[in-house]
């Protein structure tokens, strides 16, 4: 890289190495003792059935699924899908970026 102070060359790595892309429908967090912001992103979902009873309707057709047992005996499971710690200045920059992108998305897709 040439020695230019007014430009940076940035390369993205591991773009295709993500195992999954989490869906997020909420966040909570707080502060660390040294002033970092902590952001926990979560996804709320219903419990998955561990087993089902399926009724034979006719020929090779089945339907009327009835869950027999669930992974958890709760109404909602809140999965923490990511945890992030960042400086307040960075949090504000990301917040501004998110607002700008959300506004653009609403203008493009909410017609």
N, C-alpha and C. Protein backbone atom coordinates (compact mmCIF):
# COMPACT_ATOMS: atom_id res chain seq x y z
N UNK A 1 0.85 -1.18 0.00
CA UNK A 1 0.00 0.00 0.00
C UNK A 1 0.89 1.24 0.00
N UNK A 2 0.56 2.15 -0.88
CA UNK A 2 1.33 3.39 -0.94
C UNK A 2 1.05 4.22 0.29
N UNK A 3 1.99 5.06 0.67
CA UNK A 3 1.85 5.88 1.86
C UNK A 3 1.02 7.12 1.56
N UNK A 4 -0.32 6.97 1.64
CA UNK A 4 -1.24 8.09 1.43
C UNK A 4 -2.03 8.27 2.71
N UNK A 5 -1.97 9.44 3.30
CA UNK A 5 -2.66 9.67 4.55
C UNK A 5 -4.12 10.07 4.36
N UNK A 6 -4.52 10.43 3.14
CA UNK A 6 -5.88 10.86 2.92
C UNK A 6 -6.78 9.72 2.41
N UNK A 7 -6.23 8.49 2.28
CA UNK A 7 -7.02 7.35 1.82
C UNK A 7 -6.61 6.09 2.55
N UNK A 8 -7.57 5.19 2.68
CA UNK A 8 -7.31 3.87 3.26
C UNK A 8 -7.77 2.82 2.28
N UNK A 9 -7.03 1.75 2.13
CA UNK A 9 -7.49 0.58 1.39
C UNK A 9 -7.98 -0.43 2.41
N UNK A 10 -9.22 -0.86 2.27
CA UNK A 10 -9.84 -1.80 3.20
C UNK A 10 -10.26 -3.04 2.42
N UNK A 11 -9.93 -4.21 2.95
CA UNK A 11 -10.30 -5.48 2.33
C UNK A 11 -11.24 -6.21 3.28
N UNK A 12 -12.36 -6.72 2.78
CA UNK A 12 -13.28 -7.52 3.58
C UNK A 12 -12.84 -8.97 3.53
N UNK A 13 -12.79 -9.62 4.69
CA UNK A 13 -12.43 -11.03 4.78
C UNK A 13 -13.58 -11.81 5.39
N UNK A 14 -13.62 -13.08 5.14
CA UNK A 14 -14.59 -14.01 5.73
C UNK A 14 -16.04 -13.70 5.35
N UNK A 15 -16.26 -13.04 4.24
CA UNK A 15 -17.62 -12.67 3.86
C UNK A 15 -18.50 -13.91 3.67
N UNK A 16 -17.95 -14.96 3.11
CA UNK A 16 -18.74 -16.17 2.83
C UNK A 16 -18.61 -17.24 3.91
N UNK A 17 -17.97 -16.93 5.03
CA UNK A 17 -17.74 -17.92 6.07
C UNK A 17 -18.79 -17.91 7.18
N UNK A 18 -19.87 -17.15 7.02
CA UNK A 18 -20.88 -17.11 8.07
C UNK A 18 -21.66 -18.42 8.09
N UNK A 19 -21.81 -19.00 9.26
CA UNK A 19 -22.58 -20.23 9.40
C UNK A 19 -24.08 -19.96 9.23
N UNK A 20 -24.51 -18.82 9.75
CA UNK A 20 -25.91 -18.41 9.61
C UNK A 20 -25.99 -16.89 9.76
N UNK A 21 -27.07 -16.36 9.31
CA UNK A 21 -27.34 -14.94 9.49
C UNK A 21 -28.50 -14.83 10.47
N UNK A 22 -28.23 -14.38 11.69
CA UNK A 22 -29.31 -14.36 12.69
C UNK A 22 -30.39 -13.33 12.36
N UNK A 23 -31.60 -13.70 12.68
CA UNK A 23 -32.73 -12.78 12.61
C UNK A 23 -32.86 -12.16 14.00
N UNK A 24 -33.09 -10.87 14.06
CA UNK A 24 -33.16 -10.15 15.33
C UNK A 24 -34.48 -9.40 15.40
N UNK A 25 -35.17 -9.51 16.54
CA UNK A 25 -36.38 -8.70 16.71
C UNK A 25 -36.36 -7.92 18.02
N UNK A 26 -35.17 -7.79 18.61
CA UNK A 26 -35.06 -6.97 19.81
C UNK A 26 -33.64 -6.91 20.34
N UNK A 27 -33.45 -6.03 21.33
CA UNK A 27 -32.13 -5.85 21.93
C UNK A 27 -32.28 -5.38 23.37
N UNK A 28 -31.29 -5.70 24.18
CA UNK A 28 -31.17 -5.14 25.52
C UNK A 28 -29.70 -5.06 25.84
N UNK A 29 -29.35 -4.32 26.86
CA UNK A 29 -27.94 -4.21 27.21
C UNK A 29 -27.73 -3.22 28.33
N UNK A 30 -26.51 -2.72 28.39
CA UNK A 30 -26.14 -1.80 29.46
C UNK A 30 -24.73 -1.31 29.23
N UNK A 31 -24.00 -1.18 30.33
CA UNK A 31 -22.66 -0.61 30.29
C UNK A 31 -21.69 -1.49 31.06
N UNK A 32 -20.44 -1.48 30.60
CA UNK A 32 -19.39 -2.15 31.36
C UNK A 32 -18.81 -1.15 32.35
N UNK A 33 -18.06 -1.61 33.35
CA UNK A 33 -17.46 -0.68 34.31
C UNK A 33 -16.54 0.36 33.68
N UNK A 34 -15.97 0.04 32.51
CA UNK A 34 -15.08 1.01 31.87
C UNK A 34 -15.78 1.86 30.81
N UNK A 35 -17.12 1.84 30.76
CA UNK A 35 -17.87 2.75 29.89
C UNK A 35 -18.20 2.23 28.51
N UNK A 36 -17.94 0.97 28.24
CA UNK A 36 -18.33 0.39 26.95
C UNK A 36 -19.83 0.10 26.98
N UNK A 37 -20.48 0.21 25.85
CA UNK A 37 -21.88 -0.19 25.74
C UNK A 37 -21.93 -1.67 25.40
N UNK A 38 -22.86 -2.38 26.02
CA UNK A 38 -23.07 -3.80 25.74
C UNK A 38 -24.43 -3.95 25.10
N UNK A 39 -24.46 -4.58 23.94
CA UNK A 39 -25.69 -4.77 23.18
C UNK A 39 -25.90 -6.26 22.98
N UNK A 40 -27.00 -6.78 23.49
CA UNK A 40 -27.37 -8.18 23.31
C UNK A 40 -28.55 -8.22 22.33
N UNK A 41 -28.34 -8.82 21.18
CA UNK A 41 -29.39 -8.92 20.18
C UNK A 41 -30.10 -10.26 20.36
N UNK A 42 -31.43 -10.24 20.31
CA UNK A 42 -32.17 -11.48 20.54
C UNK A 42 -33.25 -11.71 19.50
N UNK A 43 -33.72 -12.96 19.47
CA UNK A 43 -34.83 -13.37 18.62
C UNK A 43 -35.82 -14.12 19.48
N UNK A 44 -37.06 -13.64 19.51
CA UNK A 44 -38.13 -14.31 20.26
C UNK A 44 -38.83 -15.31 19.34
N UNK A 45 -39.08 -16.49 19.88
CA UNK A 45 -39.77 -17.52 19.10
C UNK A 45 -40.53 -18.45 20.04
N UNK A 46 -41.43 -19.20 19.47
CA UNK A 46 -42.14 -20.23 20.22
C UNK A 46 -41.24 -21.45 20.37
N UNK A 47 -41.52 -22.26 21.35
CA UNK A 47 -40.78 -23.50 21.55
C UNK A 47 -41.08 -24.47 20.41
N UNK A 48 -40.06 -25.19 19.95
CA UNK A 48 -40.24 -26.20 18.92
C UNK A 48 -40.74 -27.49 19.55
N UNK A 49 -41.61 -28.21 18.84
CA UNK A 49 -41.99 -29.52 19.35
C UNK A 49 -40.83 -30.50 19.22
N UNK A 50 -40.65 -31.34 20.24
CA UNK A 50 -39.65 -32.41 20.18
C UNK A 50 -40.22 -33.64 19.48
N UNK A 51 -41.53 -33.78 19.59
CA UNK A 51 -42.18 -34.91 18.91
C UNK A 51 -43.61 -34.52 18.54
N UNK A 52 -44.10 -35.17 17.49
CA UNK A 52 -45.44 -34.90 16.97
C UNK A 52 -46.22 -36.19 16.80
N UNK A 53 -47.52 -36.07 16.89
CA UNK A 53 -48.41 -37.15 16.49
C UNK A 53 -49.10 -36.65 15.23
N UNK A 54 -49.05 -37.45 14.17
CA UNK A 54 -49.64 -37.06 12.90
C UNK A 54 -50.71 -38.07 12.53
N UNK A 55 -51.87 -37.57 12.17
CA UNK A 55 -53.02 -38.42 11.87
C UNK A 55 -52.97 -38.89 10.41
N UNK A 56 -53.22 -40.19 10.21
CA UNK A 56 -53.34 -40.72 8.86
C UNK A 56 -54.72 -40.36 8.34
N UNK A 57 -54.77 -39.62 7.24
CA UNK A 57 -56.06 -39.16 6.71
C UNK A 57 -56.61 -40.16 5.69
N UNK A 58 -55.85 -40.40 4.63
CA UNK A 58 -56.24 -41.40 3.64
C UNK A 58 -55.04 -41.72 2.77
N UNK A 59 -55.05 -42.89 2.19
CA UNK A 59 -53.96 -43.37 1.33
C UNK A 59 -52.62 -43.05 1.97
N UNK A 60 -51.78 -42.26 1.32
CA UNK A 60 -50.47 -41.91 1.87
C UNK A 60 -50.45 -40.48 2.39
N UNK A 61 -51.60 -39.95 2.75
CA UNK A 61 -51.69 -38.58 3.21
C UNK A 61 -51.81 -38.54 4.73
N UNK A 62 -51.04 -37.63 5.32
CA UNK A 62 -51.06 -37.43 6.76
C UNK A 62 -51.30 -35.95 7.05
N UNK A 63 -51.85 -35.65 8.20
CA UNK A 63 -52.09 -34.26 8.56
C UNK A 63 -52.51 -34.15 10.01
N UNK A 64 -53.08 -33.01 10.35
CA UNK A 64 -53.54 -32.74 11.72
C UNK A 64 -52.44 -33.04 12.74
N UNK A 65 -51.31 -32.35 12.60
CA UNK A 65 -50.20 -32.54 13.52
C UNK A 65 -50.56 -32.10 14.92
N UNK A 66 -50.18 -32.91 15.89
CA UNK A 66 -50.43 -32.59 17.30
C UNK A 66 -49.09 -32.73 18.05
N UNK A 67 -48.55 -31.62 18.53
CA UNK A 67 -47.31 -31.71 19.30
C UNK A 67 -47.53 -32.52 20.58
N UNK A 68 -46.59 -33.41 20.88
CA UNK A 68 -46.67 -34.24 22.08
C UNK A 68 -45.78 -33.71 23.19
N UNK A 69 -44.62 -33.16 22.80
CA UNK A 69 -43.65 -32.68 23.78
C UNK A 69 -42.88 -31.53 23.15
N UNK A 70 -42.58 -30.51 23.94
CA UNK A 70 -41.85 -29.34 23.45
C UNK A 70 -40.45 -29.29 24.06
N UNK A 71 -39.56 -28.58 23.39
CA UNK A 71 -38.18 -28.45 23.88
C UNK A 71 -38.13 -27.76 25.23
N UNK A 72 -39.04 -26.84 25.47
CA UNK A 72 -39.15 -26.12 26.74
C UNK A 72 -40.63 -25.93 27.06
N UNK A 73 -40.97 -25.91 28.32
CA UNK A 73 -42.35 -25.69 28.73
C UNK A 73 -42.54 -24.21 29.07
N UNK A 74 -42.45 -23.37 28.03
CA UNK A 74 -42.59 -21.92 28.19
C UNK A 74 -43.40 -21.37 27.02
N UNK A 75 -43.87 -20.15 27.18
CA UNK A 75 -44.62 -19.51 26.09
C UNK A 75 -43.69 -19.02 24.98
N UNK A 76 -42.62 -18.36 25.35
CA UNK A 76 -41.69 -17.77 24.38
C UNK A 76 -40.26 -18.10 24.79
N UNK A 77 -39.42 -18.40 23.80
CA UNK A 77 -37.98 -18.58 24.04
C UNK A 77 -37.28 -17.37 23.44
N UNK A 78 -36.48 -16.70 24.25
CA UNK A 78 -35.70 -15.54 23.79
C UNK A 78 -34.25 -15.99 23.62
N UNK A 79 -33.84 -16.14 22.37
CA UNK A 79 -32.48 -16.58 22.07
C UNK A 79 -31.58 -15.38 21.86
N UNK A 80 -30.49 -15.31 22.61
CA UNK A 80 -29.48 -14.29 22.38
C UNK A 80 -28.67 -14.76 21.18
N UNK A 81 -28.73 -14.02 20.07
CA UNK A 81 -28.06 -14.45 18.85
C UNK A 81 -26.72 -13.77 18.65
N UNK A 82 -26.49 -12.66 19.36
CA UNK A 82 -25.20 -11.97 19.24
C UNK A 82 -25.02 -11.02 20.40
N UNK A 83 -23.77 -10.85 20.81
CA UNK A 83 -23.42 -9.90 21.87
C UNK A 83 -22.33 -8.99 21.30
N UNK A 84 -22.49 -7.69 21.53
CA UNK A 84 -21.55 -6.71 20.99
C UNK A 84 -21.21 -5.71 22.09
N UNK A 85 -19.93 -5.36 22.20
CA UNK A 85 -19.49 -4.29 23.08
C UNK A 85 -18.84 -3.23 22.22
N UNK A 86 -19.18 -1.96 22.47
CA UNK A 86 -18.61 -0.90 21.66
C UNK A 86 -18.53 0.41 22.43
N UNK A 87 -17.65 1.28 21.97
CA UNK A 87 -17.50 2.59 22.58
C UNK A 87 -18.73 3.45 22.25
N UNK A 88 -19.08 4.41 23.12
CA UNK A 88 -20.25 5.25 22.88
C UNK A 88 -20.21 5.96 21.51
N UNK A 89 -19.06 6.46 21.11
CA UNK A 89 -18.95 7.16 19.83
C UNK A 89 -19.29 6.22 18.67
N UNK A 90 -18.79 5.00 18.74
CA UNK A 90 -19.08 4.02 17.69
C UNK A 90 -20.56 3.65 17.70
N UNK A 91 -21.14 3.51 18.89
CA UNK A 91 -22.57 3.20 19.00
C UNK A 91 -23.40 4.30 18.32
N UNK A 92 -23.04 5.56 18.54
CA UNK A 92 -23.76 6.66 17.89
C UNK A 92 -23.61 6.61 16.37
N UNK A 93 -22.40 6.31 15.90
CA UNK A 93 -22.18 6.22 14.45
C UNK A 93 -23.01 5.10 13.84
N UNK A 94 -23.02 3.95 14.50
CA UNK A 94 -23.82 2.83 14.01
C UNK A 94 -25.31 3.17 14.09
N UNK A 95 -25.73 3.82 15.17
CA UNK A 95 -27.12 4.23 15.31
C UNK A 95 -27.55 5.16 14.19
N UNK A 96 -26.72 6.15 13.87
CA UNK A 96 -27.03 7.07 12.77
C UNK A 96 -27.09 6.34 11.44
N UNK A 97 -26.16 5.41 11.24
CA UNK A 97 -26.14 4.63 10.00
C UNK A 97 -27.42 3.78 9.88
N UNK A 98 -27.83 3.15 11.00
CA UNK A 98 -29.05 2.34 10.99
C UNK A 98 -30.29 3.18 10.68
N UNK A 99 -30.37 4.36 11.28
CA UNK A 99 -31.52 5.24 11.03
C UNK A 99 -31.56 5.63 9.56
N UNK A 100 -30.41 6.01 9.00
CA UNK A 100 -30.35 6.40 7.59
C UNK A 100 -30.78 5.24 6.69
N UNK A 101 -30.27 4.04 6.95
CA UNK A 101 -30.61 2.88 6.12
C UNK A 101 -32.08 2.50 6.29
N UNK A 102 -32.60 2.60 7.51
CA UNK A 102 -34.01 2.29 7.75
C UNK A 102 -34.91 3.27 7.01
N UNK A 103 -34.57 4.55 7.05
CA UNK A 103 -35.33 5.57 6.31
C UNK A 103 -35.32 5.27 4.82
N UNK A 104 -34.15 4.93 4.29
CA UNK A 104 -34.03 4.61 2.86
C UNK A 104 -34.87 3.39 2.51
N UNK A 105 -34.83 2.36 3.36
CA UNK A 105 -35.61 1.14 3.10
C UNK A 105 -37.10 1.43 3.12
N UNK A 106 -37.54 2.25 4.07
CA UNK A 106 -38.97 2.61 4.11
C UNK A 106 -39.38 3.34 2.85
N UNK A 107 -38.55 4.24 2.37
CA UNK A 107 -38.86 4.98 1.14
C UNK A 107 -38.88 4.06 -0.08
N UNK A 108 -38.02 3.07 -0.10
CA UNK A 108 -37.93 2.17 -1.26
C UNK A 108 -39.02 1.10 -1.25
N UNK A 109 -39.30 0.54 -0.08
CA UNK A 109 -40.14 -0.67 -0.02
C UNK A 109 -41.52 -0.48 0.58
N UNK A 110 -41.77 0.59 1.30
CA UNK A 110 -43.08 0.80 1.93
C UNK A 110 -43.94 1.73 1.08
N UNK A 111 -44.16 1.33 -0.13
CA UNK A 111 -44.97 2.18 -1.04
C UNK A 111 -46.37 1.67 -1.14
